């Protein structure tokens, strides 16, 4: 079998009706998620249709000065999404999130495109955009979890951290416990995904290639490469984000600046 089955708007509408199942569960259990479900469903349709039209134009145009800005925009959105999670935040968190995701994702993505897959030209959108997108999606999850765990660990263990500093510990000696916990938390989703890939889940890229008529073995080879790229980018991104968070919250003279950590809702109220 070659190619894949085209889906009509009617087919999409049938699939969209499945959201009613979630809505019914929300009503039955009094979860009050109906509005969020509706918004999420609408955003899914609008965003995917929009990116479909944009990618169609980019693929047809096929110029580096069109591909790179789109990849940069994707990266910034990923960084902002990663920084908008968690109970606590601090000034500079968005910048830390964007820098950590940008540096790790683009470095590992470049390695995959230039060294492993060796596409030509290097900006071929058919490869560059989907591969970077998959790396970004997983890296932002790791970075958001890492920053969230770092801020929570420091808040919960503030007394222990300040006692260590008072007894002469350096800022890193006082923060290394929470930092390790944060890095571990950020890497767990990728490790879990790698542990069950092919047994429980069939990743999107592999599934798409198989549906398009690609050899399953060749699709598996691509997916193996993607999983390793994701793991490396996620690990680097989490470590980078945790280190930058640590540097934001600890001064060079070894003081824990706990006052910089504020609850997100309090910050929105201007407290």
Protein backbone atom coordinates (compact mmCIF):
# COMPACT_ATOMS: atom_id res chain seq x y z
CA UNK A 1 0.00 0.00 0.00
CA UNK A 2 1.36 3.44 -0.93
CA UNK A 3 0.22 6.88 0.01
CA UNK A 4 -2.38 7.51 2.66
CA UNK A 5 -6.11 7.99 3.01
CA UNK A 6 -7.22 11.58 2.57
CA UNK A 7 -9.45 12.98 5.30
CA UNK A 8 -12.36 15.25 4.53
CA UNK A 9 -13.74 18.03 6.73
CA UNK A 10 -16.60 15.68 7.57
CA UNK A 11 -14.10 13.11 8.87
CA UNK A 12 -12.50 15.78 11.05
CA UNK A 13 -15.92 16.78 12.37
CA UNK A 14 -16.62 13.17 13.33
CA UNK A 15 -13.34 13.02 15.28
CA UNK A 16 -14.09 16.37 16.92
CA UNK A 17 -17.32 14.94 18.32
CA UNK A 18 -15.20 12.72 20.56
CA UNK A 19 -14.43 15.80 22.65
CA UNK A 20 -18.04 15.53 23.79
CA UNK A 21 -16.95 12.45 25.75
CA UNK A 22 -14.60 14.60 27.81
CA UNK A 23 -17.30 17.22 28.18
CA UNK A 24 -19.77 14.62 29.44
CA UNK A 25 -17.22 13.36 31.98
CA UNK A 26 -16.61 16.91 33.15
CA UNK A 27 -20.32 17.49 33.66
CA UNK A 28 -20.90 14.14 35.34
CA UNK A 29 -18.01 14.60 37.76
CA UNK A 30 -18.57 18.34 38.21
CA UNK A 31 -15.02 19.11 37.03
CA UNK A 32 -16.06 22.40 35.44
CA UNK A 33 -13.68 21.89 32.52
CA UNK A 34 -16.23 22.33 29.75
CA UNK A 35 -15.08 25.84 28.82
CA UNK A 36 -11.42 24.88 28.84
CA UNK A 37 -12.16 21.82 26.71
CA UNK A 38 -14.00 23.95 24.16
CA UNK A 39 -11.20 26.52 24.02
CA UNK A 40 -8.55 23.79 23.74
CA UNK A 41 -10.44 22.07 20.92
CA UNK A 42 -10.90 25.32 18.98
CA UNK A 43 -7.25 26.25 19.46
CA UNK A 44 -6.18 22.81 18.25
CA UNK A 45 -8.13 23.15 15.03
CA UNK A 46 -7.19 26.78 14.35
CA UNK A 47 -3.51 26.39 15.19
CA UNK A 48 -3.02 23.20 13.17
CA UNK A 49 -4.91 24.53 10.15
CA UNK A 50 -2.88 27.73 10.31
CA UNK A 51 0.46 25.93 10.51
CA UNK A 52 -0.69 23.64 7.70
CA UNK A 53 -1.19 26.61 5.37
CA UNK A 54 2.05 28.24 6.54
CA UNK A 55 4.09 25.08 6.02
CA UNK A 56 2.57 24.59 2.58
CA UNK A 57 3.81 28.04 1.61
CA UNK A 58 7.21 27.55 3.24
CA UNK A 59 7.75 24.18 1.56
CA UNK A 60 6.90 25.69 -1.81
CA UNK A 61 9.09 28.77 -1.29
CA UNK A 62 12.02 26.81 0.18
CA UNK A 63 14.42 29.65 1.12
CA UNK A 64 16.59 29.84 4.23
CA UNK A 65 15.47 33.38 5.05
CA UNK A 66 11.91 32.06 5.32
CA UNK A 67 12.70 28.81 7.14
CA UNK A 68 14.95 30.32 9.84
CA UNK A 69 12.48 33.00 11.03
CA UNK A 70 9.76 30.37 11.31
CA UNK A 71 12.06 28.12 13.35
CA UNK A 72 13.01 31.07 15.55
CA UNK A 73 9.33 31.90 16.13
CA UNK A 74 8.64 28.27 17.07
CA UNK A 75 11.52 28.39 19.56
CA UNK A 76 10.34 31.62 21.20
CA UNK A 77 6.80 30.26 21.56
CA UNK A 78 8.21 27.08 23.12
CA UNK A 79 10.28 29.12 25.57
CA UNK A 80 7.30 31.25 26.59
CA UNK A 81 5.11 28.17 27.00
CA UNK A 82 7.71 26.50 29.23
CA UNK A 83 8.01 29.58 31.44
CA UNK A 84 4.25 29.93 31.96
CA UNK A 85 3.92 26.88 34.17
CA UNK A 86 4.46 26.23 37.82
CA UNK A 87 3.21 27.89 40.96
CA UNK A 88 6.17 30.24 41.46
CA UNK A 89 8.14 32.48 39.17
CA UNK A 90 10.89 35.08 39.25
CA UNK A 91 12.04 38.00 37.16
CA UNK A 92 13.98 36.67 34.19
CA UNK A 93 12.33 33.26 34.06
CA UNK A 94 11.07 33.77 30.52
CA UNK A 95 14.53 34.75 29.30
CA UNK A 96 16.08 31.73 31.03
CA UNK A 97 13.50 29.42 29.51
CA UNK A 98 13.94 30.76 25.98
CA UNK A 99 17.75 30.72 26.14
CA UNK A 100 17.95 27.18 27.52
CA UNK A 101 15.48 25.80 24.97
CA UNK A 102 17.01 27.73 22.08
CA UNK A 103 20.58 26.71 22.84
CA UNK A 104 19.94 23.02 23.45
CA UNK A 105 17.35 22.45 20.70
CA UNK A 106 19.25 24.25 17.96
CA UNK A 107 22.58 22.68 18.89
CA UNK A 108 21.22 19.13 18.91
CA UNK A 109 18.97 19.81 15.92
CA UNK A 110 21.95 21.04 13.92
CA UNK A 111 23.89 17.89 14.84
CA UNK A 112 21.00 15.74 13.65
CA UNK A 113 20.51 17.62 10.39
CA UNK A 114 24.16 18.21 9.46
CA UNK A 115 25.93 15.16 10.88
CA UNK A 116 23.40 12.33 11.10
CA UNK A 117 20.79 12.89 8.38
CA UNK A 118 23.02 15.17 6.25
CA UNK A 119 20.27 16.94 4.34
CA UNK A 120 21.01 19.23 1.39
CA UNK A 121 20.35 22.08 1.37
CA UNK A 122 20.76 22.41 5.13
CA UNK A 123 17.55 24.44 5.46
CA UNK A 124 15.33 21.88 3.69
CA UNK A 125 12.01 22.64 5.43
CA UNK A 126 10.65 19.13 4.97
CA UNK A 127 13.26 17.95 7.46
CA UNK A 128 14.39 20.99 9.44
CA UNK A 129 11.00 22.22 10.65
CA UNK A 130 9.42 18.91 11.75
CA UNK A 131 12.60 17.69 13.45
CA UNK A 132 13.09 20.95 15.33
CA UNK A 133 9.41 20.95 16.25
CA UNK A 134 9.63 17.49 17.83
CA UNK A 135 12.76 18.46 19.74
CA UNK A 136 11.20 21.71 20.96
CA UNK A 137 8.00 20.02 22.11
CA UNK A 138 9.83 17.59 24.34
CA UNK A 139 12.49 20.03 25.53
CA UNK A 140 9.95 22.60 26.70
CA UNK A 141 8.28 19.93 28.84
CA UNK A 142 11.59 19.06 30.50
CA UNK A 143 12.57 22.69 31.01
CA UNK A 144 9.22 23.66 32.52
CA UNK A 145 9.33 20.70 34.92
CA UNK A 146 12.94 21.45 35.85
CA UNK A 147 12.31 25.09 36.66
CA UNK A 148 9.13 24.27 38.54
CA UNK A 149 10.84 21.63 40.68
CA UNK A 150 13.83 23.89 41.34
CA UNK A 151 11.68 26.74 42.63
CA UNK A 152 9.49 24.41 44.70
CA UNK A 153 12.45 22.61 46.25
CA UNK A 154 14.13 25.88 47.17
CA UNK A 155 10.93 27.23 48.68
CA UNK A 156 10.17 24.11 50.68
CA UNK A 157 13.78 23.75 51.81
CA UNK A 158 14.50 27.41 52.40
CA UNK A 159 15.43 26.90 56.05
CA UNK A 160 17.93 24.17 55.22
CA UNK A 161 19.44 26.20 52.38
CA UNK A 162 19.89 29.30 54.52
CA UNK A 163 21.31 27.25 57.39
CA UNK A 164 23.89 25.73 55.06
CA UNK A 165 24.89 29.17 53.85
CA UNK A 166 25.10 30.47 57.43
CA UNK A 167 27.42 27.60 58.33
CA UNK A 168 29.81 28.54 55.55
CA UNK A 169 28.60 26.53 52.58
CA UNK A 170 28.97 28.01 49.12
CA UNK A 171 25.87 28.85 47.12
CA UNK A 172 26.34 25.73 44.97
CA UNK A 173 26.79 23.48 47.99
CA UNK A 174 23.53 24.82 49.40
CA UNK A 175 21.63 24.53 46.10
CA UNK A 176 22.99 21.29 44.64
CA UNK A 177 20.35 19.09 46.29
CA UNK A 178 17.37 20.98 44.84
CA UNK A 179 19.22 21.29 41.53
CA UNK A 180 19.70 17.53 41.26
CA UNK A 181 16.04 16.94 42.05
CA UNK A 182 15.04 19.49 39.41
CA UNK A 183 17.21 17.95 36.69
CA UNK A 184 15.91 14.49 37.55
CA UNK A 185 12.30 15.68 37.34
CA UNK A 186 12.91 17.35 33.99
CA UNK A 187 14.46 14.25 32.44
CA UNK A 188 11.92 11.70 33.67
CA UNK A 189 9.32 12.29 30.88
CA UNK A 190 11.88 11.59 28.16
CA UNK A 191 13.22 8.52 29.98
CA UNK A 192 9.67 7.19 30.37
CA UNK A 193 8.98 7.78 26.70
CA UNK A 194 12.16 5.97 25.65
CA UNK A 195 11.35 3.03 27.93
CA UNK A 196 8.03 2.24 26.23
CA UNK A 197 8.54 3.48 22.67
CA UNK A 198 7.67 0.75 20.20
CA UNK A 199 6.05 -1.38 22.89
CA UNK A 200 3.26 0.83 24.20
CA UNK A 201 3.37 3.85 21.90
CA UNK A 202 4.18 4.38 18.24
CA UNK A 203 5.63 7.90 17.90
CA UNK A 204 4.11 10.43 15.55
CA UNK A 205 6.98 10.64 13.07
CA UNK A 206 7.20 6.87 12.67
CA UNK A 207 3.43 6.57 12.33
CA UNK A 208 3.31 9.34 9.73
CA UNK A 209 6.03 7.75 7.63
CA UNK A 210 4.34 4.35 7.74
CA UNK A 211 0.98 5.88 6.76
CA UNK A 212 2.72 7.65 3.87
CA UNK A 213 4.02 4.33 2.55
CA UNK A 214 7.57 4.39 3.93
CA UNK A 215 9.24 1.10 4.83
CA UNK A 216 8.56 0.36 8.54
CA UNK A 217 12.23 -0.44 9.12
CA UNK A 218 13.33 2.84 7.57
CA UNK A 219 10.71 4.69 9.61
CA UNK A 220 12.05 2.98 12.74
CA UNK A 221 15.59 4.16 11.94
CA UNK A 222 14.40 7.75 11.69
CA UNK A 223 12.48 7.41 14.94
CA UNK A 224 15.52 6.05 16.77
CA UNK A 225 17.54 9.06 15.63
CA UNK A 226 14.76 11.44 16.71
CA UNK A 227 14.48 9.84 20.15
CA UNK A 228 18.19 10.26 20.78
CA UNK A 229 18.09 13.87 19.57
CA UNK A 230 15.14 14.56 21.87
CA UNK A 231 16.89 12.94 24.84
CA UNK A 232 20.07 14.96 24.34
CA UNK A 233 18.29 18.27 23.78
CA UNK A 234 15.98 17.73 26.74
CA UNK A 235 18.88 16.89 29.04
CA UNK A 236 20.93 19.91 27.99
CA UNK A 237 17.91 22.19 28.16
CA UNK A 238 16.94 21.08 31.66
CA UNK A 239 20.48 21.46 33.00
CA UNK A 240 20.82 24.88 31.38
CA UNK A 241 17.49 26.09 32.77
CA UNK A 242 18.25 24.82 36.29
CA UNK A 243 21.70 26.42 36.29
CA UNK A 244 20.30 29.75 35.13
CA UNK A 245 17.56 29.58 37.77
CA UNK A 246 20.21 28.89 40.40
CA UNK A 247 22.25 31.89 39.26
CA UNK A 248 19.18 34.12 39.38
CA UNK A 249 18.28 33.14 42.94
CA UNK A 250 21.74 33.02 44.51
CA UNK A 251 24.01 36.07 44.60
CA UNK A 252 27.78 35.94 43.95
CA UNK A 253 28.37 36.57 47.67
CA UNK A 254 26.52 33.32 48.50
CA UNK A 255 23.13 34.64 49.57
CA UNK A 256 19.82 32.99 48.78
CA UNK A 257 17.55 35.71 47.41
CA UNK A 258 14.27 34.05 48.33
CA UNK A 259 12.38 37.33 47.91
CA UNK A 260 12.77 37.00 44.14
CA UNK A 261 10.48 33.97 44.16
CA UNK A 262 6.84 35.01 44.00
CA UNK A 263 3.63 33.11 43.47
CA UNK A 264 2.40 33.49 39.93
CA UNK A 265 -1.10 34.63 40.88
CA UNK A 266 0.31 37.18 43.32
CA UNK A 267 2.50 38.57 40.59
CA UNK A 268 -0.45 38.90 38.25
CA UNK A 269 -2.31 40.90 40.90
CA UNK A 270 0.69 43.18 41.19
CA UNK A 271 1.58 42.06 44.71
